[in-house]
Amino acid sequence: MSAERTVLTVSELTSQLRAVVEERFPAVWVEGEISNFRLYGSGHAYFTLKDEGAQLRAVLFRNRARRLRFEPGDGQHVLAFGSLEIYAQRGEYQFVVELLEPRGLGALQLAFEQLKARLGAEGLFDAARKRQLPRFPRKIGIVTSPSGAALRDMLRIIGRRFAGLHIVITPARVQGEGAAEEIAQGLADLNALGDVDVIIVGRGGGSLEDLWAFNEEIVARAIAASKVPVISAVGHEVDFTIADFVADVRAATPSNAGDLVVSEKQAIAAALLALGERLQRAVARPLRDLERRVDDAGIRLRLAAGTAHRRAAHRVELLAARLRAASPFVRLADGRHRLEGLQARIHGEIARRLVACRHQLAGAVGRLDSLSPLAVLGRGYSLTRTPEGGIVRSARQVRAGDALSVLLHEGSLDCRVERTKERDERPQV
């Protein structure tokens, strides 16, 4: 009698295989060459690791891919660390990559070479786009760590040579997570000020990892987009970063950046100092010669001081008199006297005319008074008016019972008409 056969379903067999594989290979390093590399919109990357005799499907999920320093691509020889898992739906197994490193050349160095090649192809390193540093900067911007020795070195150099310069410091981390973003933002902030003449960006020395923020693409593009010239001062003389290639000028050290930014001013100041010394020497020599000649002439003059002295003194007196006569002060005094005389004449004429005008005005007032109808009131006459203000010239203008106002020389009378008389009834005077 044959033994009973054990029959597994596909799912059961796959589940058992998954348990064996994932238990046997929970974490493993695999070396191979990348082929068929595909990066999808989701951020996940799928590729194949292969060697001469086999190939292995691999996946690099988005959260791990973002941490890579370099860009994976076909043909790269890499070391991959991860775990094996069974993909039951397709009956396949794949390698889930946690870490990926280039074989031979380090990941950071490879990333450096890749970015350098890409930016170089875009023309960001071309000498034609680099600008000259300003000869006489008035305001200098610095992007660096406020607590670093690099900042102290730059301030010491600049302050020793030109203490009056205006320096704007934009603090930024220069290594670690987020440092590249802060450096790029510092460059943008200094450009936004609008009156910065030159910008220094950098830090002191360190390892490739320490300097890596200056190899990031965001920093390179911020330097390229700067409206004002940028000096890159990163590390020591032997250290080169992407920022050095993009910047308008590379300084070997931060201290050297301080030298470069004020070098033209220093040269001009030294040249002016040298010219001043030459001018002093050039003036001093003729003065000494002149003093010597004056001394010699004085000896000759003292020997011939007699008649020549009297003649010269007389001539000096004549010239002094002519000089006094032509003096602007004398002319001013004469002009002032003439002006005072004219002012006196003007005042007299004005006073005379005012008196004449007063006499004329008094005569006119007298004549007006004599012609005024009110003047006759003083001689005993009166003026009769209606309530409306009209002047009563005839008895026919009023009736018995009308109210009238009689204006006298002194005061007035309110009256009422008892009766009226015509012209032929008026009494004889």
Protein backbone atom coordinates (compact mmCIF):
# COMPACT_ATOMS: atom_id res chain seq x y z
CA MET A 1 0.00 0.00 0.00
CA SER A 2 1.57 3.32 -1.13
CA ALA A 3 2.04 6.12 1.38
CA GLU A 4 -0.41 8.98 1.27
CA ARG A 5 0.94 11.89 -0.77
CA THR A 6 1.39 15.33 0.76
CA VAL A 7 -0.11 17.95 -1.50
CA LEU A 8 0.50 21.67 -0.87
CA THR A 9 -1.28 24.55 -2.45
CA VAL A 10 0.74 27.24 -4.18
CA SER A 11 0.04 29.65 -1.35
CA GLU A 12 1.15 27.10 1.25
CA LEU A 13 4.36 26.33 -0.57
CA THR A 14 5.08 30.03 -1.07
CA SER A 15 4.41 30.73 2.60
CA GLN A 16 6.85 27.99 3.65
CA LEU A 17 9.48 29.28 1.24
CA ARG A 18 9.01 32.84 2.55
CA ALA A 19 9.52 31.63 6.12
CA VAL A 20 12.73 29.79 5.19
CA VAL A 21 14.17 32.58 3.01
CA GLU A 22 13.30 35.51 5.25
CA GLU A 23 14.54 33.62 8.32
CA ARG A 24 17.75 32.57 6.59
CA PHE A 25 18.53 35.97 5.04
CA PRO A 26 17.12 38.69 7.35
CA ALA A 27 20.06 41.01 6.61
CA VAL A 28 22.77 40.52 4.03
CA TRP A 29 25.29 42.47 1.94
CA VAL A 30 25.17 41.79 -1.79
CA GLU A 31 27.69 42.94 -4.39
CA GLY A 32 26.74 43.37 -8.01
CA GLU A 33 26.23 45.65 -11.02
CA ILE A 34 23.09 47.74 -11.45
CA SER A 35 21.04 47.22 -14.61
CA ASN A 36 17.53 48.19 -15.76
CA PHE A 37 17.39 50.98 -13.16
CA ARG A 38 13.94 52.62 -13.11
CA LEU A 39 12.86 55.50 -10.84
CA TYR A 40 9.09 55.96 -10.75
CA GLY A 41 6.96 58.95 -9.85
CA SER A 42 6.17 57.39 -6.49
CA GLY A 43 9.85 57.79 -5.56
CA HIS A 44 10.48 54.01 -5.49
CA ALA A 45 13.35 52.64 -7.60
CA TYR A 46 13.40 49.16 -9.15
CA PHE A 47 16.51 47.59 -10.67
CA THR A 48 18.46 44.35 -11.08
CA LEU A 49 21.70 43.39 -9.37
CA LYS A 50 23.75 41.01 -11.50
CA ASP A 51 27.14 39.39 -11.90
CA GLU A 52 28.58 36.95 -14.44
CA GLY A 53 26.38 34.07 -13.33
CA ALA A 54 23.11 35.37 -11.89
CA GLN A 55 20.80 38.30 -11.34
CA LEU A 56 18.61 39.46 -8.49
CA ARG A 57 15.59 41.74 -8.58
CA ALA A 58 15.88 44.63 -6.11
CA VAL A 59 13.76 47.48 -4.88
CA LEU A 60 14.79 50.74 -3.16
CA PHE A 61 11.84 52.40 -1.52
CA ARG A 62 11.37 56.18 -1.48
CA ASN A 63 12.29 56.84 2.14
CA ARG A 64 15.63 55.03 1.62
CA ALA A 65 16.31 56.53 -1.81
CA ARG A 66 16.10 60.08 -0.48
CA ARG A 67 19.01 59.42 1.88
CA LEU A 68 21.45 58.46 -0.86
CA ARG A 69 24.32 60.86 -1.46
CA PHE A 70 24.79 59.78 -5.08
CA GLU A 71 22.51 58.99 -8.01
CA PRO A 72 22.32 55.24 -8.81
CA GLY A 73 22.45 54.27 -12.46
CA ASP A 74 23.01 51.41 -14.86
CA GLY A 75 26.53 50.00 -14.93
CA GLN A 76 27.47 51.09 -11.42
CA HIS A 77 29.20 48.47 -9.28
CA VAL A 78 27.62 48.72 -5.84
CA LEU A 79 27.31 47.11 -2.41
CA ALA A 80 23.70 46.72 -1.27
CA PHE A 81 22.53 45.92 2.23
CA GLY A 82 19.02 44.62 2.87
CA SER A 83 16.82 41.56 3.20
CA LEU A 84 15.20 38.98 0.91
CA GLU A 85 11.44 38.73 0.69
CA ILE A 86 9.04 36.59 -1.33
CA TYR A 87 6.56 38.44 -3.54
CA ALA A 88 3.76 35.85 -3.45
CA GLN A 89 1.49 37.44 -6.06
CA ARG A 90 4.10 36.92 -8.77
CA GLY A 91 5.89 33.94 -7.33
CA GLU A 92 9.16 35.92 -7.27
CA TYR A 93 11.66 36.92 -4.68
CA GLN A 94 13.31 40.33 -4.49
CA PHE A 95 15.97 42.09 -2.52
CA VAL A 96 14.70 45.05 -0.40
CA VAL A 97 17.62 47.48 -0.24
CA GLU A 98 18.21 49.48 2.92
CA LEU A 99 21.67 50.88 2.13
CA LEU A 100 23.44 51.36 -1.20
CA GLU A 101 27.10 52.28 -1.62
CA PRO A 102 29.28 52.49 -4.73
CA ARG A 103 32.03 49.91 -4.86
CA GLY A 104 35.52 51.41 -4.92
CA LEU A 105 34.74 55.14 -5.11
CA GLY A 106 32.94 56.38 -1.95
CA ALA A 107 29.35 57.50 -2.09
CA LEU A 108 30.17 61.12 -1.25
CA GLN A 109 32.97 61.29 -3.77
CA LEU A 110 30.76 59.78 -6.46
CA ALA A 111 27.97 62.25 -5.64
CA PHE A 112 30.53 65.07 -5.86
CA GLU A 113 31.71 63.94 -9.30
CA GLN A 114 28.16 63.46 -10.57
CA LEU A 115 26.98 66.93 -9.50
CA LYS A 116 30.18 68.53 -10.74
CA ALA A 117 29.71 66.97 -14.18
CA ARG A 118 26.05 67.97 -14.37
CA LEU A 119 26.53 71.58 -13.29
CA GLY A 120 29.61 71.89 -15.48
CA ALA A 121 27.56 70.79 -18.47
CA GLU A 122 25.04 73.55 -17.65
CA GLY A 123 27.80 76.16 -17.78
CA LEU A 124 27.77 77.14 -14.09
CA PHE A 125 31.56 76.84 -13.90
CA ASP A 126 32.29 78.89 -17.06
CA ALA A 127 34.82 81.68 -16.57
CA ALA A 128 32.73 83.98 -18.79
CA ARG A 129 29.93 84.18 -16.20
CA LYS A 130 32.22 84.99 -13.28
CA ARG A 131 32.31 88.62 -12.13
CA GLN A 132 35.13 90.81 -10.88
CA LEU A 133 35.16 91.71 -7.19
CA PRO A 134 34.30 95.37 -6.45
CA ARG A 135 37.38 97.55 -6.03
CA PHE A 136 36.03 99.54 -3.11
CA PRO A 137 33.27 97.59 -1.31
CA ARG A 138 31.27 99.56 1.24
CA LYS A 139 29.14 96.71 2.60
CA ILE A 140 30.27 93.06 2.84
CA GLY A 141 27.93 90.14 3.51
CA ILE A 142 29.13 86.94 5.23
CA VAL A 143 27.23 83.63 5.36
CA THR A 144 28.78 81.29 7.94
CA SER A 145 28.43 79.98 11.47
CA PRO A 146 28.49 82.86 13.98
CA SER A 147 30.44 80.74 16.47
CA GLY A 148 33.09 79.42 14.08
CA ALA A 149 36.77 80.38 13.97
CA ALA A 150 36.37 81.18 10.26
CA LEU A 151 34.20 84.23 11.04
CA ARG A 152 36.66 85.51 13.65
CA ASP A 153 39.54 85.17 11.17
CA MET A 154 37.68 87.09 8.44
CA LEU A 155 36.61 89.88 10.80
CA ARG A 156 40.13 90.18 12.18
CA ILE A 157 41.69 90.53 8.73
CA ILE A 158 39.09 92.99 7.43
CA GLY A 159 39.04 95.04 10.64
CA ARG A 160 42.82 95.31 10.77
CA ARG A 161 42.98 96.76 7.26
CA PHE A 162 39.72 98.71 6.94
CA ALA A 163 37.91 99.04 10.25
CA GLY A 164 35.22 101.33 8.83
CA LEU A 165 33.63 98.81 6.47
CA HIS A 166 30.00 97.80 7.04
CA ILE A 167 29.69 94.01 7.50
CA VAL A 168 26.38 92.11 7.52
CA ILE A 169 26.56 88.59 9.00
CA THR A 170 23.88 86.04 8.11
CA PRO A 171 24.19 83.13 10.57
CA ALA A 172 23.82 79.61 9.16
CA ARG A 173 24.77 76.10 10.11
CA VAL A 174 27.67 74.91 7.99
CA GLN A 175 27.38 71.16 8.50
CA GLY A 176 24.76 68.57 9.30
CA GLU A 177 21.14 68.13 8.34
CA GLY A 178 19.56 71.34 6.95
CA ALA A 179 22.86 73.24 6.69
CA ALA A 180 22.69 73.53 2.89
CA GLU A 181 19.20 75.04 3.06
CA GLU A 182 20.31 77.64 5.65
CA ILE A 183 23.35 78.61 3.56
CA ALA A 184 21.20 79.05 0.44
CA GLN A 185 18.67 81.11 2.41
CA GLY A 186 21.46 83.30 3.79
CA LEU A 187 22.64 84.07 0.25
CA ALA A 188 19.09 84.94 -0.78
CA ASP A 189 18.61 87.21 2.27
CA LEU A 190 21.79 89.18 1.57
CA ASN A 191 20.78 89.63 -2.06
CA ALA A 192 17.38 90.89 -0.91
CA LEU A 193 19.04 93.72 1.06
CA GLY A 194 19.98 95.34 -2.24
CA ASP A 195 23.07 97.30 -1.08
CA VAL A 196 25.58 94.51 -0.37
CA ASP A 197 28.63 94.81 -2.66
CA VAL A 198 30.17 91.35 -2.18
CA ILE A 199 29.31 88.13 -0.28
CA ILE A 200 31.65 85.66 1.43
CA VAL A 201 30.30 82.16 2.05
CA GLY A 202 32.33 79.50 3.80
CA ARG A 203 33.65 77.77 6.90
CA GLY A 204 36.83 76.31 8.36
CA GLY A 205 38.41 73.00 7.47
CA GLY A 206 37.08 69.50 8.08
CA SER A 207 36.45 66.13 6.52
CA LEU A 208 34.54 65.57 3.29
CA GLU A 209 31.45 64.87 5.37
CA ASP A 210 31.93 68.09 7.36
CA LEU A 211 32.22 70.18 4.19
CA TRP A 212 29.40 68.39 2.38
CA ALA A 213 26.83 71.21 2.75
CA PHE A 214 28.93 73.21 0.24
CA ASN A 215 28.66 70.32 -2.25
CA GLU A 216 24.85 70.40 -2.26
CA GLU A 217 23.05 71.48 -5.43
CA ILE A 218 20.85 74.00 -3.59
CA VAL A 219 23.93 75.93 -2.44
CA ALA A 220 25.52 75.83 -5.90
CA ARG A 221 22.40 77.25 -7.53
CA ALA A 222 22.00 79.92 -4.83
CA ILE A 223 25.57 81.10 -5.55
CA ALA A 224 24.91 81.09 -9.30
CA ALA A 225 21.70 83.10 -8.81
CA SER A 226 23.38 85.76 -6.65
CA LYS A 227 23.15 89.29 -8.06
CA VAL A 228 26.42 90.32 -6.41
CA PRO A 229 29.84 88.63 -6.63
CA VAL A 230 30.40 85.67 -4.27
CA ILE A 231 33.67 84.52 -2.70
CA SER A 232 33.78 80.84 -1.66
CA ALA A 233 36.02 80.28 1.36
CA VAL A 234 35.58 76.66 2.42
CA GLY A 235 38.12 74.66 4.38
CA HIS A 236 41.84 74.67 3.71
CA GLU A 237 43.77 75.28 0.53
CA VAL A 238 43.64 71.59 -0.45
CA ASP A 239 39.85 71.37 -0.01
CA PHE A 240 37.68 71.85 -3.09
CA THR A 241 33.88 71.97 -3.09
CA ILE A 242 31.19 72.54 -5.69
CA ALA A 243 30.74 76.03 -4.20
CA ASP A 244 34.34 76.82 -5.15
CA PHE A 245 33.68 76.02 -8.81
CA VAL A 246 30.45 78.06 -9.01
CA ALA A 247 31.60 81.10 -7.03
CA ASP A 248 33.04 84.14 -8.79
CA VAL A 249 36.27 83.83 -6.76
CA ARG A 250 37.66 80.93 -4.68
CA ALA A 251 39.58 81.80 -1.53
CA ALA A 252 42.07 79.23 -0.27
CA THR A 253 40.97 79.85 3.35
CA PRO A 254 38.53 82.15 5.18
CA SER A 255 41.46 84.39 6.13
CA ASN A 256 42.40 84.61 2.47
CA ALA A 257 38.82 85.71 1.72
CA GLY A 258 39.32 88.65 4.09
CA ASP A 259 42.48 89.53 2.16
CA LEU A 260 40.75 89.31 -1.21
CA VAL A 261 37.73 91.41 -0.34
CA VAL A 262 39.84 94.43 0.70
CA SER A 263 42.95 93.82 -1.39
CA GLU A 264 42.21 96.61 -3.87
CA LYS A 265 41.52 99.10 -1.10
CA GLN A 266 44.74 98.15 0.62
CA ALA A 267 46.71 98.52 -2.61
CA ILE A 268 45.19 101.95 -3.28
CA ALA A 269 45.86 103.08 0.29
CA ALA A 270 49.48 101.90 0.07
CA ALA A 271 49.89 103.63 -3.29
CA LEU A 272 48.46 106.89 -1.90
CA LEU A 273 50.77 106.69 1.10
CA ALA A 274 53.78 106.19 -1.19
CA LEU A 275 52.69 109.11 -3.39
CA GLY A 276 52.31 111.31 -0.31
CA GLU A 277 55.84 110.50 0.79
CA ARG A 278 57.19 111.20 -2.71
CA LEU A 279 55.32 114.50 -2.78
CA GLN A 280 56.77 115.52 0.56
CA ARG A 281 60.26 114.75 -0.65
CA ALA A 282 59.65 116.57 -3.94
CA VAL A 283 58.41 119.68 -2.14
CA ALA A 284 61.09 119.63 0.55
CA ARG A 285 63.99 119.71 -1.93
CA PRO A 286 62.98 122.95 -3.75
CA LEU A 287 62.16 124.56 -0.41
CA ARG A 288 65.65 123.85 0.84
CA ASP A 289 67.09 125.28 -2.39
CA LEU A 290 64.87 128.33 -2.07
CA GLU A 291 65.92 128.89 1.52
CA ARG A 292 69.55 128.71 0.50
CA ARG A 293 69.01 131.17 -2.35
CA VAL A 294 67.12 133.52 -0.05
CA ASP A 295 69.99 133.41 2.42
CA ASP A 296 72.47 134.24 -0.36
CA ALA A 297 70.28 137.08 -1.64
CA GLY A 298 69.95 138.43 1.90
CA ILE A 299 73.70 138.75 2.18
CA ARG A 300 73.83 140.68 -1.10
CA LEU A 301 70.94 142.91 -0.06
CA ARG A 302 72.57 143.81 3.24
CA LEU A 303 75.70 144.89 1.37
CA ALA A 304 73.68 147.29 -0.84
CA ALA A 305 71.21 148.48 1.77
CA GLY A 306 71.95 152.28 1.63
CA THR A 307 70.50 154.26 -1.23
CA ALA A 308 68.70 151.26 -2.68
CA HIS A 309 66.86 150.83 0.62
CA ARG A 310 65.64 154.45 0.64
CA ARG A 311 64.62 154.23 -3.01
CA ALA A 312 62.78 151.01 -2.41
CA ALA A 313 61.08 152.45 0.69
CA HIS A 314 59.86 155.47 -1.28
CA ARG A 315 58.59 153.23 -4.03
CA VAL A 316 56.87 151.05 -1.48
CA GLU A 317 55.11 154.11 -0.03
CA LEU A 318 53.90 155.14 -3.48
CA LEU A 319 52.67 151.65 -4.23
CA ALA A 320 50.97 151.46 -0.84
CA ALA A 321 49.15 154.74 -1.53
CA ARG A 322 48.03 153.49 -4.92
CA LEU A 323 47.01 150.20 -3.33
CA ARG A 324 44.98 152.03 -0.66
CA ALA A 325 43.30 154.13 -3.33
CA ALA A 326 42.42 150.99 -5.33
CA SER A 327 41.40 149.06 -2.22
CA PRO A 328 37.92 147.60 -2.41
CA PHE A 329 37.39 148.72 1.19
CA VAL A 330 37.90 152.37 0.17
CA ARG A 331 35.48 151.93 -2.71
CA LEU A 332 32.98 150.35 -0.36
CA ALA A 333 33.33 153.28 2.09
CA ASP A 334 32.77 155.84 -0.72
CA GLY A 335 29.77 153.89 -1.92
CA ARG A 336 28.38 153.75 1.61
CA HIS A 337 28.70 157.56 1.99
CA ARG A 338 26.95 158.11 -1.32
CA LEU A 339 24.21 155.71 -0.31
CA GLU A 340 23.71 157.48 3.02
CA GLY A 341 23.41 160.83 1.20
CA LEU A 342 20.86 159.42 -1.21
CA GLN A 343 18.89 157.93 1.66
CA ALA A 344 18.81 161.33 3.46
CA ARG A 345 17.59 163.07 0.29
CA ILE A 346 14.92 160.45 -0.24
CA HIS A 347 13.67 160.74 3.35
CA GLY A 348 13.53 164.58 3.05
CA GLU A 349 11.62 164.44 -0.21
CA ILE A 350 9.17 161.93 1.22
CA ALA A 351 8.57 164.13 4.32
CA ARG A 352 8.03 167.23 2.18
CA ARG A 353 5.53 165.46 -0.03
CA LEU A 354 3.68 164.07 2.99
CA VAL A 355 3.23 167.59 4.42
CA ALA A 356 1.93 168.87 1.07
CA CYS A 357 -0.48 165.94 0.82
CA ARG A 358 -1.76 166.61 4.34
CA HIS A 359 -2.49 170.25 3.44
CA GLN A 360 -4.28 169.17 0.27
CA LEU A 361 -6.31 166.60 2.24
CA ALA A 362 -7.32 169.18 4.89
CA GLY A 363 -8.51 171.61 2.18
CA ALA A 364 -10.53 168.91 0.46
CA VAL A 365 -12.12 167.90 3.76
CA GLY A 366 -13.07 171.51 4.46
CA ARG A 367 -14.66 171.87 1.07
CA LEU A 368 -16.57 168.65 1.52
CA ASP A 369 -17.81 169.80 4.91
CA SER A 370 -19.03 173.08 3.42
CA LEU A 371 -20.92 171.22 0.72
CA SER A 372 -22.42 168.64 3.08
CA PRO A 373 -26.16 169.00 3.65
CA LEU A 374 -25.49 168.23 7.30
CA ALA A 375 -23.32 171.34 7.66
CA VAL A 376 -26.35 173.66 7.42
CA LEU A 377 -27.78 172.02 10.53
CA GLY A 378 -25.29 173.96 12.57
CA ARG A 379 -26.85 177.20 11.34
CA GLY A 380 -30.28 176.35 12.79
CA TYR A 381 -31.79 174.37 9.99
CA SER A 382 -33.24 170.85 10.32
CA LEU A 383 -33.74 167.81 8.11
CA THR A 384 -37.09 166.02 8.00
CA ARG A 385 -37.24 162.32 7.08
CA THR A 386 -39.92 159.71 6.70
CA PRO A 387 -39.72 156.40 8.63
CA GLU A 388 -38.37 154.81 5.45
CA GLY A 389 -35.46 157.27 5.42
CA GLY A 390 -36.69 159.48 2.62
CA ILE A 391 -36.17 163.29 2.82
CA VAL A 392 -39.34 165.41 3.01
CA ARG A 393 -39.05 168.31 0.55
CA SER A 394 -42.76 169.17 0.15
CA ALA A 395 -45.88 169.16 2.33
CA ARG A 396 -47.55 167.15 -0.35
CA GLN A 397 -45.30 164.18 0.52
CA VAL A 398 -47.05 163.59 3.88
CA ARG A 399 -50.49 163.45 5.34
CA ALA A 400 -51.97 164.30 8.70
CA GLY A 401 -51.11 161.60 11.23
CA ASP A 402 -47.84 160.53 9.50
CA ALA A 403 -44.83 159.94 11.77
CA LEU A 404 -41.70 161.90 10.87
CA SER A 405 -38.14 162.20 12.18
CA VAL A 406 -36.55 165.64 12.41
CA LEU A 407 -32.72 165.70 12.45
CA LEU A 408 -31.26 168.70 14.31
CA HIS A 409 -27.71 169.89 14.74
CA GLU A 410 -27.74 168.18 18.08
CA GLY A 411 -30.05 165.16 18.33
CA SER A 412 -33.33 164.44 16.58
CA LEU A 413 -37.13 164.69 17.13
CA ASP A 414 -39.86 162.08 16.54
CA CYS A 415 -42.96 163.99 15.38
CA ARG A 416 -46.45 163.38 14.03
CA VAL A 417 -48.16 165.59 11.41
CA GLU A 418 -51.21 167.46 12.69
CA ARG A 419 -52.03 169.11 9.41
CA THR A 420 -50.32 170.25 6.20
CA LYS A 421 -50.18 173.62 4.46
CA GLU A 422 -49.61 174.22 0.80
CA ARG A 423 -47.01 176.61 -0.56
CA ASP A 424 -49.36 179.64 -0.50
CA GLU A 425 -50.15 179.03 3.15
CA ARG A 426 -46.61 179.05 4.42
CA PRO A 427 -45.87 181.86 6.81
CA GLN A 428 -43.88 184.87 5.75
CA VAL A 429 -40.41 185.02 7.14
